[in-house]
Amino acid sequence: MISVPLHEKRLRYRGYNHAEKLAREVSGLVGLPVNNYNFKRIKDAPPQARTHSVHERVENVKDAFSCEPEVLQDMSIILVDDVCTSGSTLEACAVALKSAGARRVTGFTLAREIS
């Protein structure tokens, strides 16, 4: 399991990563380890909740995440976030994780916006 990372600036401001807390709770229930494999948010962008359209959400997280190449070679990853609205964050994370070698990325969220 890997949680969606916060940019270091937002993490310092908030003091914790809500997605990581959720991942650790779920991990305890299902017995899968949480390891972020140096998965980072490298682009400091406004929160997705402050965007107004799907296009803005996609652009907001485009190239926002990075992971060391090859560390996830052939792994299946469960990517944990709190809320899925447009899916843009999960998609951007999946692209970065697959670029680092992940074979499969499955998103897990606590809530989903109903459209």
C-alpha atoms as a PDB file:
ATOM      1  CA  MET A   1       0.000   0.000   0.000  1.00  0.00           C
ATOM      2  CA  ILE A   2       1.133   3.511  -0.821  1.00  0.00           C
ATOM      3  CA  SER A   3      -0.597   6.731   0.256  1.00  0.00           C
ATOM      4  CA  VAL A   4      -0.968   9.791  -1.942  1.00  0.00           C
ATOM      5  CA  PRO A   5       1.828  12.102  -0.777  1.00  0.00           C
ATOM      6  CA  LEU A   6       1.524  15.741   0.208  1.00  0.00           C
ATOM      7  CA  HIS A   7       4.068  18.303  -0.931  1.00  0.00           C
ATOM      8  CA  GLU A   8       6.604  18.886   1.869  1.00  0.00           C
ATOM      9  CA  LYS A   9       5.343  22.476   2.294  1.00  0.00           C
ATOM     10  CA  ARG A  10       1.749  21.336   2.860  1.00  0.00           C
ATOM     11  CA  LEU A  11       2.904  18.514   5.134  1.00  0.00           C
ATOM     12  CA  ARG A  12       4.786  21.007   7.326  1.00  0.00           C
ATOM     13  CA  TYR A  13       1.718  23.277   7.438  1.00  0.00           C
ATOM     14  CA  ARG A  14      -0.735  20.481   8.229  1.00  0.00           C
ATOM     15  CA  GLY A  15       1.542  18.378  10.399  1.00  0.00           C
ATOM     16  CA  TYR A  16       0.312  15.049   9.022  1.00  0.00           C
ATOM     17  CA  ASN A  17      -0.760  13.339   5.814  1.00  0.00           C
ATOM     18  CA  HIS A  18      -4.414  12.317   6.049  1.00  0.00           C
ATOM     19  CA  ALA A  19      -4.038   9.731   3.265  1.00  0.00           C
ATOM     20  CA  GLU A  20      -1.103   8.129   5.060  1.00  0.00           C
ATOM     21  CA  LYS A  21      -3.092   7.915   8.320  1.00  0.00           C
ATOM     22  CA  LEU A  22      -5.924   6.225   6.407  1.00  0.00           C
ATOM     23  CA  ALA A  23      -3.478   3.823   4.721  1.00  0.00           C
ATOM     24  CA  ARG A  24      -1.979   2.840   8.070  1.00  0.00           C
ATOM     25  CA  GLU A  25      -5.425   2.149   9.552  1.00  0.00           C
ATOM     26  CA  VAL A  26      -6.444   0.028   6.564  1.00  0.00           C
ATOM     27  CA  SER A  27      -3.063  -1.697   6.648  1.00  0.00           C
ATOM     28  CA  GLY A  28      -3.714  -2.822  10.212  1.00  0.00           C
ATOM     29  CA  LEU A  29      -7.059  -4.286   9.191  1.00  0.00           C
ATOM     30  CA  VAL A  30      -5.933  -6.163   6.089  1.00  0.00           C
ATOM     31  CA  GLY A  31      -2.340  -6.965   6.991  1.00  0.00           C
ATOM     32  CA  LEU A  32      -0.649  -5.278   4.027  1.00  0.00           C
ATOM     33  CA  PRO A  33       2.369  -3.066   4.720  1.00  0.00           C
ATOM     34  CA  VAL A  34       2.459   0.644   3.925  1.00  0.00           C
ATOM     35  CA  ASN A  35       5.678   1.725   2.250  1.00  0.00           C
ATOM     36  CA  ASN A  36       5.892   4.902   0.208  1.00  0.00           C
ATOM     37  CA  TYR A  37       9.123   3.894  -1.614  1.00  0.00           C
ATOM     38  CA  ASN A  38      10.258   7.520  -1.767  1.00  0.00           C
ATOM     39  CA  PHE A  39       7.049   8.388  -3.592  1.00  0.00           C
ATOM     40  CA  LYS A  40       6.858  12.190  -3.449  1.00  0.00           C
ATOM     41  CA  ARG A  41       4.763  15.096  -4.535  1.00  0.00           C
ATOM     42  CA  ILE A  42       7.282  17.312  -6.302  1.00  0.00           C
ATOM     43  CA  LYS A  43       4.916  20.036  -7.542  1.00  0.00           C
ATOM     44  CA  ASP A  44       3.477  22.451  -4.997  1.00  0.00           C
ATOM     45  CA  ALA A  45       0.011  23.185  -6.331  1.00  0.00           C
ATOM     46  CA  PRO A  46      -3.263  24.406  -4.812  1.00  0.00           C
ATOM     47  CA  PRO A  47      -5.484  21.755  -3.205  1.00  0.00           C
ATOM     48  CA  GLN A  48      -7.736  19.953  -5.692  1.00  0.00           C
ATOM     49  CA  ALA A  49     -10.779  21.193  -3.746  1.00  0.00           C
ATOM     50  CA  ARG A  50      -9.940  24.721  -4.880  1.00  0.00           C
ATOM     51  CA  THR A  51     -10.137  23.864  -8.571  1.00  0.00           C
ATOM     52  CA  HIS A  52     -13.358  24.403 -10.501  1.00  0.00           C
ATOM     53  CA  SER A  53     -13.281  21.926 -13.365  1.00  0.00           C
ATOM     54  CA  VAL A  54     -11.983  18.505 -14.299  1.00  0.00           C
ATOM     55  CA  HIS A  55      -9.544  20.164 -16.724  1.00  0.00           C
ATOM     56  CA  GLU A  56      -8.125  22.328 -13.891  1.00  0.00           C
ATOM     57  CA  ARG A  57      -7.796  19.243 -11.672  1.00  0.00           C
ATOM     58  CA  VAL A  58      -5.910  17.319 -14.362  1.00  0.00           C
ATOM     59  CA  GLU A  59      -3.529  20.236 -14.987  1.00  0.00           C
ATOM     60  CA  ASN A  60      -3.082  20.838 -11.255  1.00  0.00           C
ATOM     61  CA  VAL A  61      -1.586  17.359 -10.694  1.00  0.00           C
ATOM     62  CA  LYS A  62       0.095  16.845 -14.064  1.00  0.00           C
ATOM     63  CA  ASP A  63       3.719  15.781 -13.430  1.00  0.00           C
ATOM     64  CA  ALA A  64       3.196  16.429  -9.702  1.00  0.00           C
ATOM     65  CA  PHE A  65       4.458  13.043  -8.442  1.00  0.00           C
ATOM     66  CA  SER A  66       7.752  11.195  -8.614  1.00  0.00           C
ATOM     67  CA  CYS A  67       9.119   7.859  -7.493  1.00  0.00           C
ATOM     68  CA  GLU A  68      12.604   6.390  -7.759  1.00  0.00           C
ATOM     69  CA  PRO A  69      12.863   4.453 -11.023  1.00  0.00           C
ATOM     70  CA  GLU A  70      12.639   0.683 -10.901  1.00  0.00           C
ATOM     71  CA  VAL A  71      11.914   0.408  -7.143  1.00  0.00           C
ATOM     72  CA  LEU A  72       8.435  -0.954  -7.751  1.00  0.00           C
ATOM     73  CA  GLN A  73       9.398  -3.408 -10.463  1.00  0.00           C
ATOM     74  CA  ASP A  74       6.438  -5.714 -11.174  1.00  0.00           C
ATOM     75  CA  MET A  75       4.638  -4.839  -7.912  1.00  0.00           C
ATOM     76  CA  SER A  76       0.888  -4.488  -7.552  1.00  0.00           C
ATOM     77  CA  ILE A  77       0.134  -1.327  -5.601  1.00  0.00           C
ATOM     78  CA  ILE A  78      -2.933  -0.232  -3.658  1.00  0.00           C
ATOM     79  CA  LEU A  79      -2.914   3.567  -3.771  1.00  0.00           C
ATOM     80  CA  VAL A  80      -4.759   5.154  -0.829  1.00  0.00           C
ATOM     81  CA  ASP A  81      -6.376   8.602  -0.743  1.00  0.00           C
ATOM     82  CA  ASP A  82      -9.208  10.062   1.302  1.00  0.00           C
ATOM     83  CA  VAL A  83     -11.568  11.330  -1.415  1.00  0.00           C
ATOM     84  CA  CYS A  84     -11.875  10.719  -5.148  1.00  0.00           C
ATOM     85  CA  THR A  85     -13.629  13.521  -6.996  1.00  0.00           C
ATOM     86  CA  SER A  86     -12.498  13.466 -10.619  1.00  0.00           C
ATOM     87  CA  GLY A  87      -9.847  10.750 -10.272  1.00  0.00           C
ATOM     88  CA  SER A  88      -7.130  13.151 -11.477  1.00  0.00           C
ATOM     89  CA  THR A  89      -4.894  12.710  -8.433  1.00  0.00           C
ATOM     90  CA  LEU A  90      -5.157   8.924  -8.502  1.00  0.00           C
ATOM     91  CA  GLU A  91      -4.432   8.904 -12.236  1.00  0.00           C
ATOM     92  CA  ALA A  92      -1.383  11.185 -11.912  1.00  0.00           C
ATOM     93  CA  CYS A  93      -0.058   9.018  -9.075  1.00  0.00           C
ATOM     94  CA  ALA A  94      -0.643   5.829 -11.078  1.00  0.00           C
ATOM     95  CA  VAL A  95       1.328   7.242 -14.023  1.00  0.00           C
ATOM     96  CA  ALA A  96       4.298   8.022 -11.746  1.00  0.00           C
ATOM     97  CA  LEU A  97       4.133   4.643  -9.997  1.00  0.00           C
ATOM     98  CA  LYS A  98       3.941   2.737 -13.272  1.00  0.00           C
ATOM     99  CA  SER A  99       6.871   4.762 -14.597  1.00  0.00           C
ATOM    100  CA  ALA A 100       8.799   3.517 -11.547  1.00  0.00           C
ATOM    101  CA  GLY A 101       8.031  -0.089 -12.492  1.00  0.00           C
ATOM    102  CA  ALA A 102       4.689  -0.920 -10.863  1.00  0.00           C
ATOM    103  CA  ARG A 103       2.774  -3.555 -12.812  1.00  0.00           C
ATOM    104  CA  ARG A 104      -0.659  -2.575 -11.503  1.00  0.00           C
ATOM    105  CA  VAL A 105      -2.070   0.307  -9.458  1.00  0.00           C
ATOM    106  CA  THR A 106      -5.481   0.081  -7.811  1.00  0.00           C
ATOM    107  CA  GLY A 107      -7.018   3.121  -6.131  1.00  0.00           C
ATOM    108  CA  PHE A 108      -8.648   2.906  -2.704  1.00  0.00           C
ATOM    109  CA  THR A 109     -10.504   5.902  -1.287  1.00  0.00           C
ATOM    110  CA  LEU A 110     -12.685   6.494   1.732  1.00  0.00           C
ATOM    111  CA  ALA A 111     -15.210   8.569  -0.224  1.00  0.00           C
ATOM    112  CA  ARG A 112     -16.248   9.246  -3.808  1.00  0.00           C
ATOM    113  CA  GLU A 113     -18.056  12.310  -5.094  1.00  0.00           C
ATOM    114  CA  ILE A 114     -21.419  11.453  -6.577  1.00  0.00           C
ATOM    115  CA  SER A 115     -21.947  13.170  -9.897  1.00  0.00           C
END
